[in-house]
Amino acid sequence: FDFAKQSGYASNQFAVWIEDADGGFVKTLYATRFTANGGYQNRPDSIPLWVERSGLAAASGADAVTGATPKSGPLSYAWDLTGANGERVPDGTYRFFVEGSLRWKNRVLYSGEITIGGGAAVAEAEAQYTYEGSADQPALTGESPENGMLGAVTAAYIPPQQQ
């Protein structure tokens, strides 16, 4: 997906993760350092779905590769087909997610499904935007420039013999 860094406070936070077909959390592929290192405690509107599903608040830290907010441009994250425990997951259908905090409580969630273990596959995620105002910040709209923070999200599975 493409990332366009936004100016201002309370934006640019995102996480990329995998769940199994039943909604069980499998693994985080990336999360921005601010949120993963406890920023969600000071700003609970920072990628709240990932914080909840990853169990971050109940654990001693993220299971993720974390980093500073990246520069604008295309981003790519690879899943090694292992779970958080490091063991290979079984073949099957998995859900992939990219959640981004656009500005304060306004966010986007991309979600899609991909099957691993068969032939090569490519899947596109669907975006769901949540616009919510807060005490001193108005809600974004469909025309807000912050909507461009994360571009179209796709996932690809390349079987080992085709790599």
C-alpha atoms as a PDB file:
ATOM      1  CA  PHE A   1       0.000   0.000   0.000  1.00  0.00           C
ATOM      2  CA  ASP A   2       0.982   3.599  -0.378  1.00  0.00           C
ATOM      3  CA  PHE A   3       1.561   5.741   2.695  1.00  0.00           C
ATOM      4  CA  ALA A   4       1.271   9.539   2.635  1.00  0.00           C
ATOM      5  CA  LYS A   5       2.593  11.027   5.862  1.00  0.00           C
ATOM      6  CA  GLN A   6       0.195  13.610   7.304  1.00  0.00           C
ATOM      7  CA  SER A   7       1.207  16.811   9.046  1.00  0.00           C
ATOM      8  CA  GLY A   8      -0.057  17.576  12.510  1.00  0.00           C
ATOM      9  CA  TYR A   9      -0.728  15.726  15.712  1.00  0.00           C
ATOM     10  CA  ALA A  10      -2.696  12.496  16.324  1.00  0.00           C
ATOM     11  CA  SER A  11      -2.186  10.909  12.908  1.00  0.00           C
ATOM     12  CA  ASN A  12       0.209   8.614  11.032  1.00  0.00           C
ATOM     13  CA  GLN A  13      -0.245   5.624  13.346  1.00  0.00           C
ATOM     14  CA  PHE A  14      -0.895   2.279  11.681  1.00  0.00           C
ATOM     15  CA  ALA A  15      -0.605  -1.463  12.184  1.00  0.00           C
ATOM     16  CA  VAL A  16      -0.557  -4.453   9.822  1.00  0.00           C
ATOM     17  CA  TRP A  17      -1.652  -7.845  11.141  1.00  0.00           C
ATOM     18  CA  ILE A  18      -2.988 -11.318  10.322  1.00  0.00           C
ATOM     19  CA  GLU A  19      -5.919 -13.252  11.804  1.00  0.00           C
ATOM     20  CA  ASP A  20      -7.177 -16.740  11.037  1.00  0.00           C
ATOM     21  CA  ALA A  21     -10.513 -17.341   9.315  1.00  0.00           C
ATOM     22  CA  ASP A  22     -12.266 -17.537  12.713  1.00  0.00           C
ATOM     23  CA  GLY A  23     -10.975 -14.131  13.825  1.00  0.00           C
ATOM     24  CA  GLY A  24      -8.189 -15.477  16.025  1.00  0.00           C
ATOM     25  CA  PHE A  25      -5.165 -13.202  16.197  1.00  0.00           C
ATOM     26  CA  VAL A  26      -2.129 -14.735  14.437  1.00  0.00           C
ATOM     27  CA  LYS A  27       0.651 -12.158  14.166  1.00  0.00           C
ATOM     28  CA  THR A  28       1.485  -8.480  13.838  1.00  0.00           C
ATOM     29  CA  LEU A  29       3.631  -7.651  10.825  1.00  0.00           C
ATOM     30  CA  TYR A  30       4.221  -3.997  11.707  1.00  0.00           C
ATOM     31  CA  ALA A  31       3.028  -1.345  14.119  1.00  0.00           C
ATOM     32  CA  THR A  32       4.178   2.210  14.529  1.00  0.00           C
ATOM     33  CA  ARG A  33       6.480   2.567  17.514  1.00  0.00           C
ATOM     34  CA  PHE A  34       4.507   5.286  19.312  1.00  0.00           C
ATOM     35  CA  THR A  35       1.423   3.115  19.747  1.00  0.00           C
ATOM     36  CA  ALA A  36       3.202  -0.232  20.206  1.00  0.00           C
ATOM     37  CA  ASN A  37       5.450   1.165  22.927  1.00  0.00           C
ATOM     38  CA  GLY A  38       2.556   2.395  25.070  1.00  0.00           C
ATOM     39  CA  GLY A  39       1.298   5.493  23.278  1.00  0.00           C
ATOM     40  CA  TYR A  40      -2.174   3.937  23.192  1.00  0.00           C
ATOM     41  CA  GLN A  41      -2.340   4.557  26.965  1.00  0.00           C
ATOM     42  CA  ASN A  42      -2.042   8.326  26.479  1.00  0.00           C
ATOM     43  CA  ARG A  43      -4.006   8.378  23.235  1.00  0.00           C
ATOM     44  CA  PRO A  44      -6.498   5.482  23.284  1.00  0.00           C
ATOM     45  CA  ASP A  45      -7.818   6.459  19.836  1.00  0.00           C
ATOM     46  CA  SER A  46      -4.496   5.379  18.272  1.00  0.00           C
ATOM     47  CA  ILE A  47      -5.174   2.200  16.220  1.00  0.00           C
ATOM     48  CA  PRO A  48      -7.581   0.856  18.853  1.00  0.00           C
ATOM     49  CA  LEU A  49      -8.709  -2.262  16.987  1.00  0.00           C
ATOM     50  CA  TRP A  50      -5.142  -3.553  16.652  1.00  0.00           C
ATOM     51  CA  VAL A  51      -4.420  -2.720  20.315  1.00  0.00           C
ATOM     52  CA  GLU A  52      -7.483  -4.771  21.310  1.00  0.00           C
ATOM     53  CA  ARG A  53      -7.031  -7.748  18.972  1.00  0.00           C
ATOM     54  CA  SER A  54      -3.278  -8.059  19.493  1.00  0.00           C
ATOM     55  CA  GLY A  55      -3.758  -8.173  23.261  1.00  0.00           C
ATOM     56  CA  LEU A  56      -1.178  -5.403  23.596  1.00  0.00           C
ATOM     57  CA  ALA A  57      -2.784  -3.850  26.664  1.00  0.00           C
ATOM     58  CA  ALA A  58      -2.707  -7.192  28.497  1.00  0.00           C
ATOM     59  CA  ALA A  59       0.816  -8.128  27.412  1.00  0.00           C
ATOM     60  CA  SER A  60       4.236  -6.730  28.163  1.00  0.00           C
ATOM     61  CA  GLY A  61       4.793  -5.467  24.629  1.00  0.00           C
ATOM     62  CA  ALA A  62       3.907  -5.880  20.999  1.00  0.00           C
ATOM     63  CA  ASP A  63       4.709  -9.051  19.055  1.00  0.00           C
ATOM     64  CA  ALA A  64       5.590  -6.766  16.186  1.00  0.00           C
ATOM     65  CA  VAL A  65       8.308  -5.252  14.201  1.00  0.00           C
ATOM     66  CA  THR A  66       7.927  -1.638  15.201  1.00  0.00           C
ATOM     67  CA  GLY A  67       9.447   1.458  13.807  1.00  0.00           C
ATOM     68  CA  ALA A  68       9.215   5.182  13.545  1.00  0.00           C
ATOM     69  CA  THR A  69       6.581   6.567  11.217  1.00  0.00           C
ATOM     70  CA  PRO A  70       7.940   5.789   7.745  1.00  0.00           C
ATOM     71  CA  LYS A  71       8.512   8.269   4.957  1.00  0.00           C
ATOM     72  CA  SER A  72       5.792   8.707   2.370  1.00  0.00           C
ATOM     73  CA  GLY A  73       5.778   6.178  -0.447  1.00  0.00           C
ATOM     74  CA  PRO A  74       4.953   2.547  -1.181  1.00  0.00           C
ATOM     75  CA  LEU A  75       5.249   0.181   1.782  1.00  0.00           C
ATOM     76  CA  SER A  76       5.458  -3.596   1.759  1.00  0.00           C
ATOM     77  CA  TYR A  77       5.366  -6.050   4.658  1.00  0.00           C
ATOM     78  CA  ALA A  78       6.083  -9.779   4.317  1.00  0.00           C
ATOM     79  CA  TRP A  79       4.534 -12.509   6.443  1.00  0.00           C
ATOM     80  CA  ASP A  80       6.746 -15.532   6.972  1.00  0.00           C
ATOM     81  CA  LEU A  81       3.628 -17.712   7.483  1.00  0.00           C
ATOM     82  CA  THR A  82       4.359 -18.171  11.167  1.00  0.00           C
ATOM     83  CA  GLY A  83       2.261 -17.253  14.160  1.00  0.00           C
ATOM     84  CA  ALA A  84       3.384 -15.157  17.124  1.00  0.00           C
ATOM     85  CA  ASN A  85       4.964 -18.322  18.581  1.00  0.00           C
ATOM     86  CA  GLY A  86       7.247 -18.669  15.534  1.00  0.00           C
ATOM     87  CA  GLU A  87       5.670 -21.912  14.289  1.00  0.00           C
ATOM     88  CA  ARG A  88       4.401 -22.332  10.708  1.00  0.00           C
ATOM     89  CA  VAL A  89       0.633 -21.838  10.471  1.00  0.00           C
ATOM     90  CA  PRO A  90      -1.511 -24.420   8.667  1.00  0.00           C
ATOM     91  CA  ASP A  91      -2.600 -23.810   5.091  1.00  0.00           C
ATOM     92  CA  GLY A  92      -5.979 -22.141   4.799  1.00  0.00           C
ATOM     93  CA  THR A  93      -7.733 -18.813   4.584  1.00  0.00           C
ATOM     94  CA  TYR A  94      -6.414 -15.865   6.565  1.00  0.00           C
ATOM     95  CA  ARG A  95      -7.565 -12.298   7.024  1.00  0.00           C
ATOM     96  CA  PHE A  96      -5.160  -9.396   6.661  1.00  0.00           C
ATOM     97  CA  PHE A  97      -5.701  -5.960   8.171  1.00  0.00           C
ATOM     98  CA  VAL A  98      -4.203  -2.493   7.981  1.00  0.00           C
ATOM     99  CA  GLU A  99      -5.630  -0.031  10.491  1.00  0.00           C
ATOM    100  CA  GLY A 100      -4.648   3.627  10.434  1.00  0.00           C
ATOM    101  CA  SER A 101      -5.362   6.571  12.715  1.00  0.00           C
ATOM    102  CA  LEU A 102      -6.063   9.408  10.292  1.00  0.00           C
ATOM    103  CA  ARG A 103      -6.539  12.172  12.854  1.00  0.00           C
ATOM    104  CA  TRP A 104      -7.641  11.719  16.466  1.00  0.00           C
ATOM    105  CA  LYS A 105     -10.668   9.331  16.531  1.00  0.00           C
ATOM    106  CA  ASN A 106     -10.958   9.239  12.733  1.00  0.00           C
ATOM    107  CA  ARG A 107      -9.522   6.067  11.247  1.00  0.00           C
ATOM    108  CA  VAL A 108      -9.528   3.620   8.385  1.00  0.00           C
ATOM    109  CA  LEU A 109      -9.542  -0.171   8.493  1.00  0.00           C
ATOM    110  CA  TYR A 110      -8.575  -2.171   5.424  1.00  0.00           C
ATOM    111  CA  SER A 111      -9.467  -5.864   5.571  1.00  0.00           C
ATOM    112  CA  GLY A 112      -9.248  -8.731   3.132  1.00  0.00           C
ATOM    113  CA  GLU A 113      -8.887 -12.505   2.877  1.00  0.00           C
ATOM    114  CA  ILE A 114      -6.238 -14.607   1.209  1.00  0.00           C
ATOM    115  CA  THR A 115      -5.731 -18.356   1.014  1.00  0.00           C
ATOM    116  CA  ILE A 116      -2.284 -19.798   1.558  1.00  0.00           C
ATOM    117  CA  GLY A 117      -1.145 -23.273   0.634  1.00  0.00           C
ATOM    118  CA  GLY A 118      -2.646 -23.549  -2.832  1.00  0.00           C
ATOM    119  CA  GLY A 119      -1.687 -21.698  -5.962  1.00  0.00           C
ATOM    120  CA  ALA A 120      -0.561 -18.107  -6.198  1.00  0.00           C
ATOM    121  CA  ALA A 121      -3.188 -15.619  -5.082  1.00  0.00           C
ATOM    122  CA  VAL A 122      -3.704 -11.868  -4.929  1.00  0.00           C
ATOM    123  CA  ALA A 123      -6.379 -10.188  -2.816  1.00  0.00           C
ATOM    124  CA  GLU A 124      -7.525  -6.616  -2.421  1.00  0.00           C
ATOM    125  CA  ALA A 125      -8.699  -5.268   0.912  1.00  0.00           C
ATOM    126  CA  GLU A 126     -11.822  -3.201   1.401  1.00  0.00           C
ATOM    127  CA  ALA A 127     -11.610   0.075   3.277  1.00  0.00           C
ATOM    128  CA  GLN A 128     -13.995   1.086   6.044  1.00  0.00           C
ATOM    129  CA  TYR A 129     -13.697   4.667   7.305  1.00  0.00           C
ATOM    130  CA  THR A 130     -14.805   5.821  10.750  1.00  0.00           C
ATOM    131  CA  TYR A 131     -15.333   9.554  11.169  1.00  0.00           C
ATOM    132  CA  GLU A 132     -15.812  10.719  14.736  1.00  0.00           C
ATOM    133  CA  GLY A 133     -15.365  14.090  16.337  1.00  0.00           C
ATOM    134  CA  SER A 134     -14.065  14.689  19.835  1.00  0.00           C
ATOM    135  CA  ALA A 135     -14.391  17.492  22.377  1.00  0.00           C
ATOM    136  CA  ASP A 136     -12.221  19.946  20.466  1.00  0.00           C
ATOM    137  CA  GLN A 137     -11.710  18.230  17.097  1.00  0.00           C
ATOM    138  CA  PRO A 138     -14.381  17.936  14.400  1.00  0.00           C
ATOM    139  CA  ALA A 139     -14.969  14.675  12.561  1.00  0.00           C
ATOM    140  CA  LEU A 140     -13.302  14.244   9.202  1.00  0.00           C
ATOM    141  CA  THR A 141     -15.433  13.739   6.080  1.00  0.00           C
ATOM    142  CA  GLY A 142     -15.117  11.713   2.903  1.00  0.00           C
ATOM    143  CA  GLU A 143     -13.417  14.711   1.303  1.00  0.00           C
ATOM    144  CA  SER A 144     -10.790  15.211   4.024  1.00  0.00           C
ATOM    145  CA  PRO A 145      -7.187  15.053   2.775  1.00  0.00           C
ATOM    146  CA  GLU A 146      -6.292  12.731   5.668  1.00  0.00           C
ATOM    147  CA  ASN A 147      -8.187   9.950   3.855  1.00  0.00           C
ATOM    148  CA  GLY A 148      -5.155   9.681   1.581  1.00  0.00           C
ATOM    149  CA  MET A 149      -2.849   8.572   4.409  1.00  0.00           C
ATOM    150  CA  LEU A 150      -3.156   4.898   3.413  1.00  0.00           C
ATOM    151  CA  GLY A 151      -3.712   3.838  -0.189  1.00  0.00           C
ATOM    152  CA  ALA A 152      -5.225   0.670  -1.608  1.00  0.00           C
ATOM    153  CA  VAL A 153      -4.087  -2.429   0.290  1.00  0.00           C
ATOM    154  CA  THR A 154      -3.354  -5.695  -1.497  1.00  0.00           C
ATOM    155  CA  ALA A 155      -1.867  -9.008  -0.384  1.00  0.00           C
ATOM    156  CA  ALA A 156      -0.161 -11.653  -2.492  1.00  0.00           C
ATOM    157  CA  TYR A 157       0.643 -15.286  -1.781  1.00  0.00           C
ATOM    158  CA  ILE A 158       3.491 -16.768  -3.790  1.00  0.00           C
ATOM    159  CA  PRO A 159       3.924 -20.529  -3.234  1.00  0.00           C
ATOM    160  CA  PRO A 160       7.473 -21.547  -2.257  1.00  0.00           C
ATOM    161  CA  GLN A 161       8.178 -23.280  -5.575  1.00  0.00           C
ATOM    162  CA  GLN A 162       7.380 -20.014  -7.412  1.00  0.00           C
ATOM    163  CA  GLN A 163       9.663 -17.781  -5.335  1.00  0.00           C
END
